[in-house]
Amino acid sequence: MARLHEYQGKALLKGAGLNVPRGAAVSTPDEARRIATELAGPVVIKIQAWTTGRKAMGGVAFANTPEEAATAAQRLLAMKVGAFPVEQVLVEEQLSIEHEVFVSMSIDDAARRPVLLLAVTGGTGIEDRAADVARISVNVNGTADRDAIKTRLAASRIRADQQSSVTDAITKIAALARKIEARSLEVNPLVTTKDGRVMAADCRMTIDDYAVFRHSDLGIDIARELDHPPTRLERIAYAIEQDDHRGTFYFAQLPPDPEKPLIGFHGAGGGGSMMSMDAITTAGFSIANFTDTSGNPSVAKVYRAARIILAQPGLVGYFGSGSGVASQEQFHSAYGLAKAFLEMNLAIPAVIRLGGNSEDRAVEILEDACRNLPAPVRGFKKDDTPAKCAEVFAKLVQQWGSKPATMTRTVPAFVGAASAYSFPISGGRVWIDHASCDGVATETVLLHSAGLLRGEDRKPVLAIPEAEVATRDSDLIACEIECRRAGTPVVFVDLPILGLDDRS
């Protein structure tokens, strides 16, 4: 479920005809001072973070003057929720609240229909007052049962002359949820004020991932459920997933434990990845990220995933382990990992469990291709449990010194050279060092080119049209790695990652 911030949700509520407090989201103390000056009265300042219990964690402040608002904003903007910094705060007018109502529109998966939850005592602690929450029927068009709402409100302390306005607000909330295809839309509290207004004082919204493409106006750039605003690397990873349909690639950064060594995690398959994460955390490590490449991912997708994992600072190791019975050909993953490790001249230990089809070949490719790297790379198979792999990994990291290493991507000198032969592929370009292609090198290239290349004047050149080779990156990366294994590194598949490589 893709989430919206409170200020974004309130803009939608206002557009649907509900009253919301005056105010604006800001990212600096000076902006907070300006908004408080414009509001000309007491304000509330709230961190914009995808979490509950903001007040309990100190994420809500009250101010009577613009200077107090600026001071409060400075403190709140210095906060972190988990490992992720607060980037914005919402500065709003304080409300003189008379009564609070809890309203939540969501999808009941068991009943396969929308449901409206209503409690006439809203605010914090609603989770502990389940008995006070009524279920109101809603049809598939998002129309709530007004009579049921009126009956519920009639038994409340809300003034009779305000109950009709509250009913209108609740039905508008339900209709908005249907319009934007929300998985959940919670207004807590919906308040009546002492001056007779009905206002949405707070809100939380999540949008169905599969509906996001129909709502570009919502400004959701990552259609996934995260507990924090997308990081730079998460945005880069999501763009890769959207551009390459071959297999899945999920990347999310996690809050690290500062007391434990930090590692990059690369899984394959949900259940196996969960087991592997348990094994590696039990071994005493903190996981910087969760990554899954499964469903027969392309070699290029695995390569890019590994590059993004390695872009995280402070890693002392790279642990890859997922399903031990994957139906995908594991040598594809081995080629992708080997390419990433070689380009980055891997300087931290790596343990990779490649259980599944062609696992023997996969382990051989990975270990042989990476044999001359500064740090050790070990491959394991399906009969090697995640716990065993984690134990070996822990020993390697300990032997290596448990120190993070800075790694920089390198490309061969012949990339971009006038003497090199090259042609474009999807997302990059292939380079062949014709100047170093003697008879043996050319034969090696042709042997591993899957028929994509042919010999011409004892040099490898394309054997098929450029348009047809564009999506054959997996075969070409395999050719690159096999040439390196043979001691003839004359092929390089250049796949710069937009947002990660300066050359992009």
Protein backbone atom coordinates (compact mmCIF):
# COMPACT_ATOMS: atom_id res chain seq x y z
CA MET A 1 0.00 0.00 0.00
CA ALA A 2 1.37 3.39 -0.99
CA ARG A 3 1.07 5.95 1.76
CA LEU A 4 0.32 9.65 1.81
CA HIS A 5 1.49 12.18 4.35
CA GLU A 6 -1.03 13.96 6.53
CA TYR A 7 -0.73 17.23 4.62
CA GLN A 8 -1.30 15.40 1.32
CA GLY A 9 -4.35 13.65 2.71
CA LYS A 10 -5.80 16.87 4.04
CA ALA A 11 -5.46 18.48 0.62
CA LEU A 12 -7.57 15.64 -0.78
CA LEU A 13 -10.12 16.00 2.01
CA LYS A 14 -10.38 19.72 1.35
CA GLY A 15 -10.89 19.02 -2.34
CA ALA A 16 -13.73 16.65 -1.40
CA GLY A 17 -15.54 19.41 0.46
CA LEU A 18 -14.37 18.83 4.05
CA ASN A 19 -12.99 21.52 6.31
CA VAL A 20 -9.37 21.14 7.37
CA PRO A 21 -7.24 23.37 9.61
CA ARG A 22 -5.42 26.24 7.95
CA GLY A 23 -1.70 25.62 7.58
CA ALA A 24 1.05 24.21 5.40
CA ALA A 25 3.87 21.67 5.33
CA VAL A 26 7.34 23.21 5.67
CA SER A 27 10.90 21.97 5.66
CA THR A 28 12.76 24.74 7.52
CA PRO A 29 12.30 26.69 10.79
CA ASP A 30 12.08 29.96 8.82
CA GLU A 31 9.16 28.57 6.81
CA ALA A 32 7.48 27.47 10.04
CA ARG A 33 7.86 31.01 11.42
CA ARG A 34 6.33 32.45 8.26
CA ILE A 35 3.30 30.14 8.33
CA ALA A 36 2.74 30.80 12.04
CA THR A 37 2.88 34.54 11.35
CA GLU A 38 0.27 34.19 8.61
CA LEU A 39 -2.02 32.15 10.86
CA ALA A 40 -1.74 34.85 13.55
CA GLY A 41 -2.52 32.62 16.51
CA PRO A 42 -1.54 29.48 18.42
CA VAL A 43 -0.33 26.65 16.15
CA VAL A 44 0.42 22.96 16.33
CA ILE A 45 3.52 21.55 14.60
CA LYS A 46 3.54 17.85 13.63
CA ILE A 47 6.24 15.72 12.04
CA GLN A 48 5.27 14.27 8.68
CA ALA A 49 6.20 10.61 9.08
CA TRP A 50 4.52 7.33 8.23
CA THR A 51 4.06 6.22 11.78
CA THR A 52 1.50 6.25 14.55
CA GLY A 53 2.02 7.63 18.04
CA ARG A 54 3.74 10.82 16.90
CA LYS A 55 2.76 12.69 20.04
CA ALA A 56 4.13 9.95 22.30
CA MET A 57 7.50 10.05 20.55
CA GLY A 58 7.72 13.82 20.85
CA GLY A 59 6.73 14.49 17.27
CA VAL A 60 4.00 17.03 18.06
CA ALA A 61 4.57 20.49 19.51
CA PHE A 62 2.43 23.53 20.32
CA ALA A 63 3.43 27.16 19.92
CA ASN A 64 1.85 30.48 20.77
CA THR A 65 4.17 32.71 18.75
CA PRO A 66 6.02 32.50 15.42
CA GLU A 67 9.35 32.32 17.26
CA GLU A 68 8.14 29.38 19.34
CA ALA A 69 6.95 27.73 16.13
CA ALA A 70 10.39 28.13 14.52
CA THR A 71 12.12 26.71 17.60
CA ALA A 72 9.75 23.74 17.69
CA ALA A 73 10.19 23.10 13.97
CA GLN A 74 13.97 23.11 14.35
CA ARG A 75 13.73 20.39 16.99
CA LEU A 76 11.23 18.30 15.08
CA LEU A 77 13.16 18.51 11.81
CA ALA A 78 16.21 17.14 13.64
CA MET A 79 14.29 14.00 14.62
CA LYS A 80 14.54 10.58 13.05
CA VAL A 81 11.80 7.99 12.84
CA GLY A 82 13.74 4.77 12.89
CA ALA A 83 16.81 5.47 10.76
CA PHE A 84 15.08 7.99 8.53
CA PRO A 85 15.15 11.76 9.05
CA VAL A 86 12.05 13.90 9.33
CA GLU A 87 12.02 16.07 6.22
CA GLN A 88 8.83 18.09 6.74
CA VAL A 89 6.55 19.31 9.51
CA LEU A 90 2.97 20.47 9.25
CA VAL A 91 2.22 23.86 10.84
CA GLU A 92 -1.50 24.34 11.49
CA GLU A 93 -3.85 26.50 13.48
CA GLN A 94 -4.80 25.08 16.87
CA LEU A 95 -8.46 24.10 17.09
CA SER A 96 -10.84 24.71 19.95
CA ILE A 97 -12.26 21.20 20.00
CA GLU A 98 -15.64 20.36 21.46
CA HIS A 99 -16.04 16.73 20.38
CA GLU A 100 -13.99 14.06 18.58
CA VAL A 101 -15.15 11.28 16.22
CA PHE A 102 -13.15 8.37 14.81
CA VAL A 103 -13.83 7.55 11.14
CA SER A 104 -12.07 4.87 9.12
CA MET A 105 -12.91 3.65 5.65
CA SER A 106 -11.07 0.50 4.62
CA ILE A 107 -11.31 -2.69 2.58
CA ASP A 108 -12.44 -5.78 4.46
CA ASP A 109 -10.52 -8.51 2.63
CA ALA A 110 -12.49 -11.31 4.29
CA ALA A 111 -15.84 -9.82 3.27
CA ARG A 112 -14.44 -8.51 -0.02
CA ARG A 113 -16.12 -5.16 0.38
CA PRO A 114 -15.52 -1.71 1.85
CA VAL A 115 -16.40 -1.08 5.48
CA LEU A 116 -16.80 2.13 7.45
CA LEU A 117 -15.74 2.11 11.11
CA LEU A 118 -17.23 4.81 13.31
CA ALA A 119 -16.73 5.68 16.95
CA VAL A 120 -18.25 8.76 18.58
CA THR A 121 -15.22 9.07 20.87
CA GLY A 122 -12.17 9.61 18.72
CA GLY A 123 -8.58 10.63 19.35
CA THR A 124 -5.65 8.66 20.72
CA GLY A 125 -6.12 5.19 22.17
CA ILE A 126 -8.88 4.18 19.78
CA GLU A 127 -7.21 0.76 19.43
CA ASP A 128 -8.01 0.10 23.07
CA ARG A 129 -11.69 0.99 22.66
CA ALA A 130 -12.73 -1.57 20.06
CA ALA A 131 -16.10 -2.06 21.73
CA ASP A 132 -16.96 1.56 20.94
CA VAL A 133 -16.41 1.14 17.20
CA ALA A 134 -19.43 0.46 14.98
CA ARG A 135 -19.29 -1.10 11.50
CA ILE A 136 -21.35 0.85 8.96
CA SER A 137 -22.22 -0.75 5.63
CA VAL A 138 -20.88 0.84 2.45
CA ASN A 139 -21.83 -0.14 -1.07
CA VAL A 140 -19.31 -0.74 -3.83
CA ASN A 141 -19.74 2.83 -5.08
CA GLY A 142 -18.46 4.18 -1.77
CA THR A 143 -21.84 5.37 -0.50
CA ALA A 144 -22.19 4.93 3.25
CA ASP A 145 -25.46 4.16 5.03
CA ARG A 146 -26.52 7.64 6.20
CA ASP A 147 -29.30 6.34 8.41
CA ALA A 148 -26.87 4.10 10.31
CA ILE A 149 -24.49 7.03 10.75
CA LYS A 150 -27.28 9.28 12.01
CA THR A 151 -28.42 6.63 14.50
CA ARG A 152 -24.89 6.30 15.85
CA LEU A 153 -24.43 10.06 16.16
CA ALA A 154 -27.84 10.49 17.83
CA ALA A 155 -26.53 8.48 20.78
CA SER A 156 -23.45 10.70 21.13
CA ARG A 157 -22.78 13.97 22.91
CA ILE A 158 -22.54 15.84 19.61
CA ARG A 159 -24.99 18.72 19.51
CA ALA A 160 -28.14 17.96 17.53
CA ASP A 161 -27.62 20.97 15.28
CA GLN A 162 -24.17 19.63 14.28
CA GLN A 163 -25.07 15.99 13.65
CA SER A 164 -26.21 16.57 10.08
CA SER A 165 -22.92 18.31 9.23
CA VAL A 166 -20.95 15.47 10.82
CA THR A 167 -22.97 12.94 8.81
CA ASP A 168 -22.22 14.86 5.62
CA ALA A 169 -18.51 14.87 6.45
CA ILE A 170 -18.46 11.13 7.09
CA THR A 171 -20.21 10.32 3.81
CA LYS A 172 -17.73 12.57 1.97
CA ILE A 173 -14.86 10.65 3.57
CA ALA A 174 -16.32 7.36 2.33
CA ALA A 175 -16.86 8.76 -1.16
CA LEU A 176 -13.30 10.12 -1.31
CA ALA A 177 -11.89 6.73 -0.31
CA ARG A 178 -13.72 5.14 -3.23
CA LYS A 179 -12.63 7.86 -5.64
CA ILE A 180 -8.91 7.53 -4.92
CA GLU A 181 -9.12 3.72 -4.47
CA ALA A 182 -7.78 3.88 -0.93
CA ARG A 183 -7.01 0.70 0.95
CA SER A 184 -7.65 2.75 4.07
CA LEU A 185 -8.65 6.32 4.81
CA GLU A 186 -8.72 7.22 8.48
CA VAL A 187 -9.74 10.57 9.94
CA ASN A 188 -8.96 10.56 13.63
CA PRO A 189 -10.21 12.77 14.93
CA LEU A 190 -13.00 14.31 12.91
CA VAL A 191 -13.91 17.14 15.29
CA THR A 192 -16.61 19.60 16.04
CA THR A 193 -15.28 22.92 17.28
CA LYS A 194 -16.69 25.33 19.82
CA ASP A 195 -17.41 27.81 17.04
CA GLY A 196 -19.60 25.25 15.23
CA ARG A 197 -17.26 23.89 12.55
CA VAL A 198 -16.75 20.24 11.56
CA MET A 199 -13.11 19.61 10.66
CA ALA A 200 -10.68 16.80 9.84
CA ALA A 201 -8.01 17.38 12.49
CA ASP A 202 -5.80 14.46 11.44
CA CYS A 203 -5.79 11.79 8.75
CA ARG A 204 -3.96 8.74 7.42
CA MET A 205 -4.33 7.39 3.89
CA THR A 206 -2.99 4.41 1.95
CA ILE A 207 -3.67 3.77 -1.72
CA ASP A 208 -3.96 0.35 -3.35
CA ASP A 209 -0.62 -0.36 -5.04
CA TYR A 210 -2.32 -1.66 -8.17
CA ALA A 211 -4.41 1.51 -8.50
CA VAL A 212 -1.59 4.04 -8.24
CA PHE A 213 -1.08 4.23 -12.00
CA ARG A 214 -4.64 5.54 -12.33
CA HIS A 215 -3.98 8.40 -9.92
CA SER A 216 -0.91 10.27 -11.10
CA ASP A 217 -2.30 13.42 -9.49
CA LEU A 218 -1.57 11.93 -6.06
CA GLY A 219 2.16 12.27 -6.67
CA ILE A 220 3.02 8.74 -5.51
CA ASP A 221 6.35 7.78 -7.03
CA ILE A 222 6.73 4.35 -5.39
CA ALA A 223 3.68 2.10 -5.30
CA ARG A 224 4.83 0.02 -2.36
CA GLU A 225 4.20 -0.09 1.34
CA LEU A 226 7.11 1.47 3.19
CA ASP A 227 7.28 2.76 6.74
CA HIS A 228 9.21 5.84 5.65
CA PRO A 229 9.39 8.23 2.71
CA PRO A 230 11.34 6.63 -0.15
CA THR A 231 15.10 7.00 0.10
CA ARG A 232 17.33 7.84 -2.85
CA LEU A 233 18.34 4.20 -3.31
CA GLU A 234 14.74 3.01 -3.04
CA ARG A 235 13.74 5.42 -5.79
CA ILE A 236 16.60 4.18 -7.99
CA ALA A 237 15.65 0.55 -7.33
CA TYR A 238 11.97 1.12 -8.05
CA ALA A 239 12.79 2.74 -11.39
CA ILE A 240 14.83 -0.33 -12.32
CA GLU A 241 11.95 -2.64 -11.41
CA GLN A 242 9.55 -0.61 -13.54
CA ASP A 243 11.88 -0.61 -16.54
CA ASP A 244 12.70 -4.33 -16.50
CA HIS A 245 9.77 -6.76 -16.31
CA ARG A 246 11.97 -9.87 -16.17
CA GLY A 247 11.49 -11.25 -12.68
CA THR A 248 10.96 -9.22 -9.53
CA PHE A 249 13.22 -6.80 -7.69
CA TYR A 250 12.20 -5.43 -4.33
CA PHE A 251 14.53 -3.17 -2.35
CA ALA A 252 13.76 -1.48 0.96
CA GLN A 253 16.18 0.04 3.44
CA LEU A 254 15.83 -0.88 7.09
CA PRO A 255 16.70 0.94 10.32
CA PRO A 256 20.08 -0.41 11.45
CA ASP A 257 21.04 -1.47 14.94
CA PRO A 258 24.02 0.76 15.76
CA GLU A 259 25.34 -1.82 18.21
CA LYS A 260 25.78 -4.52 15.54
CA PRO A 261 27.86 -4.85 12.35
CA LEU A 262 25.89 -3.74 9.30
CA ILE A 263 25.53 -5.98 6.24
CA GLY A 264 23.85 -5.91 2.86
CA PHE A 265 21.16 -8.57 2.41
CA HIS A 266 20.13 -10.13 -0.90
CA GLY A 267 17.29 -12.66 -0.84
CA ALA A 268 15.47 -14.69 -3.44
CA GLY A 269 11.93 -15.76 -2.62
CA GLY A 270 9.87 -14.55 0.32
CA GLY A 271 9.87 -17.53 2.69
CA GLY A 272 13.51 -18.45 2.16
CA SER A 273 14.52 -14.82 2.53
CA MET A 274 12.72 -14.56 5.87
CA MET A 275 14.51 -17.67 7.14
CA SER A 276 17.81 -16.27 5.96
CA MET A 277 17.23 -12.91 7.61
CA ASP A 278 16.48 -14.69 10.88
CA ALA A 279 19.68 -16.71 10.53
CA ILE A 280 21.91 -13.72 9.86
CA THR A 281 20.42 -11.57 12.63
CA THR A 282 20.80 -14.49 15.05
CA ALA A 283 24.47 -14.54 14.03
CA GLY A 284 24.77 -11.01 15.41
CA PHE A 285 24.41 -8.76 12.37
CA SER A 286 22.18 -5.80 11.55
CA ILE A 287 20.59 -5.79 8.09
CA ALA A 288 20.84 -2.58 6.10
CA ASN A 289 18.17 -3.56 3.59
CA PHE A 290 15.74 -6.19 2.41
CA THR A 291 16.17 -7.17 -1.22
CA ASP A 292 14.44 -9.87 -3.23
CA THR A 293 15.28 -10.87 -6.79
CA SER A 294 13.18 -13.84 -7.81
CA GLY A 295 10.82 -15.11 -10.49
CA ASN A 296 13.59 -15.69 -13.04
CA PRO A 297 15.18 -12.24 -12.91
CA SER A 298 17.46 -11.15 -15.70
CA VAL A 299 21.19 -11.14 -15.12
CA ALA A 300 21.09 -7.36 -15.52
CA LYS A 301 18.44 -7.02 -12.81
CA VAL A 302 20.48 -9.08 -10.33
CA TYR A 303 23.56 -7.04 -11.22
CA ARG A 304 21.77 -3.75 -10.61
CA ALA A 305 20.30 -5.04 -7.35
CA ALA A 306 23.76 -5.97 -6.09
CA ARG A 307 25.13 -2.58 -7.10
CA ILE A 308 22.40 -0.79 -5.15
CA ILE A 309 22.97 -2.97 -2.09
CA LEU A 310 26.68 -2.18 -2.20
CA ALA A 311 25.94 1.56 -2.50
CA GLN A 312 24.86 1.62 1.14
CA PRO A 313 27.56 3.03 3.43
CA GLY A 314 29.02 1.19 6.39
CA LEU A 315 28.66 -2.41 5.19
CA VAL A 316 31.04 -5.03 6.58
CA GLY A 317 29.72 -7.88 4.43
CA TYR A 318 27.27 -9.07 1.77
CA PHE A 319 24.93 -11.96 2.60
CA GLY A 320 22.79 -13.53 -0.10
CA SER A 321 20.39 -16.34 0.72
CA GLY A 322 16.84 -17.19 -0.19
CA SER A 323 14.86 -20.18 -1.33
CA GLY A 324 16.87 -23.36 -1.53
CA VAL A 325 14.58 -24.87 -4.15
CA ALA A 326 14.16 -21.98 -6.56
CA SER A 327 13.04 -23.06 -10.03
CA GLN A 328 15.00 -20.26 -11.68
CA GLU A 329 18.39 -20.98 -13.19
CA GLN A 330 20.83 -19.95 -10.48
CA PHE A 331 23.72 -19.32 -12.84
CA HIS A 332 21.88 -16.20 -14.03
CA SER A 333 22.13 -14.79 -10.52
CA ALA A 334 25.76 -15.91 -10.29
CA TYR A 335 26.66 -13.95 -13.43
CA GLY A 336 24.88 -10.83 -12.17
CA LEU A 337 26.50 -10.98 -8.74
CA ALA A 338 29.94 -11.68 -10.17
CA LYS A 339 29.70 -8.68 -12.50
CA ALA A 340 28.71 -6.35 -9.65
CA PHE A 341 31.43 -7.68 -7.34
CA LEU A 342 34.09 -7.38 -10.03
CA GLU A 343 33.13 -3.85 -11.06
CA MET A 344 33.16 -2.72 -7.42
CA ASN A 345 36.38 -4.65 -6.67
CA LEU A 346 34.54 -6.13 -3.70
CA ALA A 347 36.42 -5.39 -0.48
CA ILE A 348 34.03 -7.00 2.03
CA PRO A 349 33.31 -10.74 2.47
CA ALA A 350 30.35 -12.21 0.62
CA VAL A 351 28.47 -15.45 1.21
CA ILE A 352 25.87 -16.39 -1.39
CA ARG A 353 23.49 -19.36 -1.19
CA LEU A 354 22.49 -20.31 -4.72
CA GLY A 355 20.16 -23.21 -4.06
CA GLY A 356 18.05 -24.39 -6.97
CA ASN A 357 18.38 -25.26 -10.64
CA SER A 358 21.97 -25.49 -11.91
CA GLU A 359 23.34 -24.70 -8.45
CA ASP A 360 26.62 -26.54 -9.05
CA ARG A 361 27.34 -24.46 -12.12
CA ALA A 362 26.23 -21.28 -10.35
CA VAL A 363 28.58 -21.74 -7.40
CA GLU A 364 31.47 -22.59 -9.73
CA ILE A 365 30.89 -19.45 -11.82
CA LEU A 366 30.61 -17.16 -8.80
CA GLU A 367 33.63 -18.42 -6.89
CA ASP A 368 35.88 -18.76 -9.94
CA ALA A 369 35.03 -15.35 -11.38
CA CYS A 370 35.64 -13.67 -8.01
CA ARG A 371 38.74 -15.61 -6.99
CA ASN A 372 41.11 -12.63 -7.36
CA LEU A 373 39.00 -10.05 -5.53
CA PRO A 374 40.38 -8.46 -2.36
CA ALA A 375 37.70 -10.07 -0.17
CA PRO A 376 36.53 -13.70 -0.14
CA VAL A 377 33.38 -14.76 -1.98
CA ARG A 378 31.86 -18.12 -1.01
CA GLY A 379 29.01 -19.93 -2.74
CA PHE A 380 26.64 -22.46 -1.17
CA LYS A 381 23.87 -24.79 -2.36
CA LYS A 382 20.42 -25.90 -1.27
CA ASP A 383 21.68 -28.50 1.21
CA ASP A 384 23.58 -25.77 3.05
CA THR A 385 21.12 -24.28 5.52
CA PRO A 386 20.81 -20.52 6.04
CA ALA A 387 22.12 -21.07 9.59
CA LYS A 388 25.25 -22.77 8.25
CA CYS A 389 25.79 -20.01 5.69
CA ALA A 390 25.38 -17.37 8.40
CA GLU A 391 27.92 -19.17 10.59
CA VAL A 392 30.49 -19.23 7.77
CA PHE A 393 29.74 -15.60 6.99
CA ALA A 394 30.30 -14.55 10.61
CA LYS A 395 33.70 -16.24 10.65
CA LEU A 396 34.73 -14.58 7.38
CA VAL A 397 33.70 -11.14 8.62
CA GLN A 398 35.56 -11.68 11.87
CA GLN A 399 38.69 -12.77 10.02
CA TRP A 400 38.39 -9.80 7.68
CA GLY A 401 38.27 -7.37 10.58
CA SER A 402 34.62 -6.24 10.55
CA LYS A 403 35.55 -2.90 9.01
CA PRO A 404 33.45 -1.11 6.39
CA ALA A 405 35.14 -0.54 3.06
CA THR A 406 34.72 2.21 0.50
CA MET A 407 34.27 0.80 -2.99
CA THR A 408 34.19 2.65 -6.30
CA ARG A 409 32.93 1.33 -9.60
CA THR A 410 35.62 0.84 -12.22
CA VAL A 411 35.31 0.18 -15.93
CA PRO A 412 38.01 -1.10 -18.31
CA ALA A 413 40.26 1.42 -20.02
CA PHE A 414 38.99 0.38 -23.46
CA VAL A 415 35.46 1.60 -22.69
CA GLY A 416 35.00 4.69 -24.83
CA ALA A 417 38.25 4.16 -26.75
CA ALA A 418 38.23 4.82 -30.48
CA SER A 419 39.82 1.45 -31.13
CA ALA A 420 37.05 -0.43 -29.30
CA TYR A 421 34.05 -1.96 -31.05
CA SER A 422 30.69 -1.18 -29.44
CA PHE A 423 26.95 -1.38 -29.90
CA PRO A 424 23.94 -0.32 -27.82
CA ILE A 425 21.70 -2.58 -25.76
CA SER A 426 18.77 -1.77 -23.53
CA GLY A 427 20.02 0.46 -20.71
CA GLY A 428 23.63 0.53 -21.79
CA ARG A 429 26.29 -0.38 -24.27
CA VAL A 430 28.58 -3.33 -25.02
CA TRP A 431 32.29 -2.69 -25.59
CA ILE A 432 34.77 -5.13 -27.13
CA ASP A 433 38.51 -4.42 -26.96
CA HIS A 434 39.42 -5.14 -30.58
CA ALA A 435 42.99 -4.03 -29.93
CA SER A 436 43.46 -6.98 -27.56
CA CYS A 437 41.52 -9.50 -29.58
CA ASP A 438 44.05 -12.00 -30.83
CA GLY A 439 42.95 -15.38 -32.14
CA VAL A 440 42.50 -16.95 -28.70
CA ALA A 441 40.54 -14.01 -27.28
CA THR A 442 38.24 -13.87 -30.29
CA GLU A 443 37.56 -17.59 -30.12
CA THR A 444 36.70 -17.27 -26.42
CA VAL A 445 34.30 -14.40 -27.10
CA LEU A 446 32.56 -16.25 -29.91
CA LEU A 447 32.34 -19.45 -27.87
CA HIS A 448 30.38 -17.70 -25.12
CA SER A 449 28.39 -15.17 -27.15
CA ALA A 450 25.31 -17.38 -27.62
CA GLY A 451 25.50 -16.78 -31.38
CA LEU A 452 25.16 -13.01 -31.02
CA LEU A 453 28.66 -12.36 -32.35
CA ARG A 454 30.66 -13.59 -35.32
CA GLY A 455 34.26 -13.25 -36.42
CA GLU A 456 35.27 -10.64 -38.99
CA ASP A 457 38.96 -10.14 -39.72
CA ARG A 458 39.64 -12.17 -36.57
CA LYS A 459 37.62 -9.70 -34.46
CA PRO A 460 34.21 -10.24 -32.79
CA VAL A 461 31.37 -8.21 -34.31
CA LEU A 462 27.60 -8.41 -34.18
CA ALA A 463 26.06 -11.33 -35.99
CA ILE A 464 22.49 -10.03 -35.71
CA PRO A 465 20.89 -6.58 -36.14
CA GLU A 466 21.29 -4.11 -33.24
CA ALA A 467 17.53 -4.03 -32.73
CA GLU A 468 17.52 -7.77 -32.03
CA VAL A 469 20.43 -7.71 -29.57
CA ALA A 470 19.00 -4.89 -27.45
CA THR A 471 17.38 -7.21 -24.88
CA ARG A 472 20.08 -9.89 -24.86
CA ASP A 473 21.93 -8.35 -21.94
CA SER A 474 21.89 -11.58 -19.93
CA ASP A 475 23.76 -13.48 -22.66
CA LEU A 476 26.23 -10.66 -23.12
CA ILE A 477 26.98 -10.35 -19.38
CA ALA A 478 27.54 -14.11 -19.30
CA CYS A 479 29.98 -13.67 -22.19
CA GLU A 480 31.80 -10.92 -20.28
CA ILE A 481 32.20 -13.06 -17.15
CA GLU A 482 33.26 -16.17 -19.06
CA CYS A 483 35.92 -14.16 -20.90
CA ARG A 484 37.25 -12.91 -17.58
CA ARG A 485 37.29 -16.45 -16.22
CA ALA A 486 39.30 -17.51 -19.28
CA GLY A 487 41.82 -14.74 -18.74
CA THR A 488 40.73 -12.73 -21.78
CA PRO A 489 38.80 -9.73 -20.36
CA VAL A 490 38.00 -8.11 -23.70
CA VAL A 491 34.22 -7.74 -23.34
CA PHE A 492 32.46 -5.26 -21.04
CA VAL A 493 28.73 -4.65 -20.72
CA ASP A 494 28.36 -1.07 -19.52
CA LEU A 495 25.06 -0.68 -17.62
CA PRO A 496 25.27 2.62 -15.74
CA ILE A 497 22.56 3.06 -13.14
CA LEU A 498 20.67 6.34 -13.35
CA GLY A 499 21.09 8.23 -10.10
CA LEU A 500 23.93 6.04 -8.88
CA ASP A 501 26.70 6.40 -11.43
CA ASP A 502 28.14 9.78 -12.35
CA ARG A 503 28.37 8.57 -15.92
CA SER A 504 24.58 8.14 -16.15
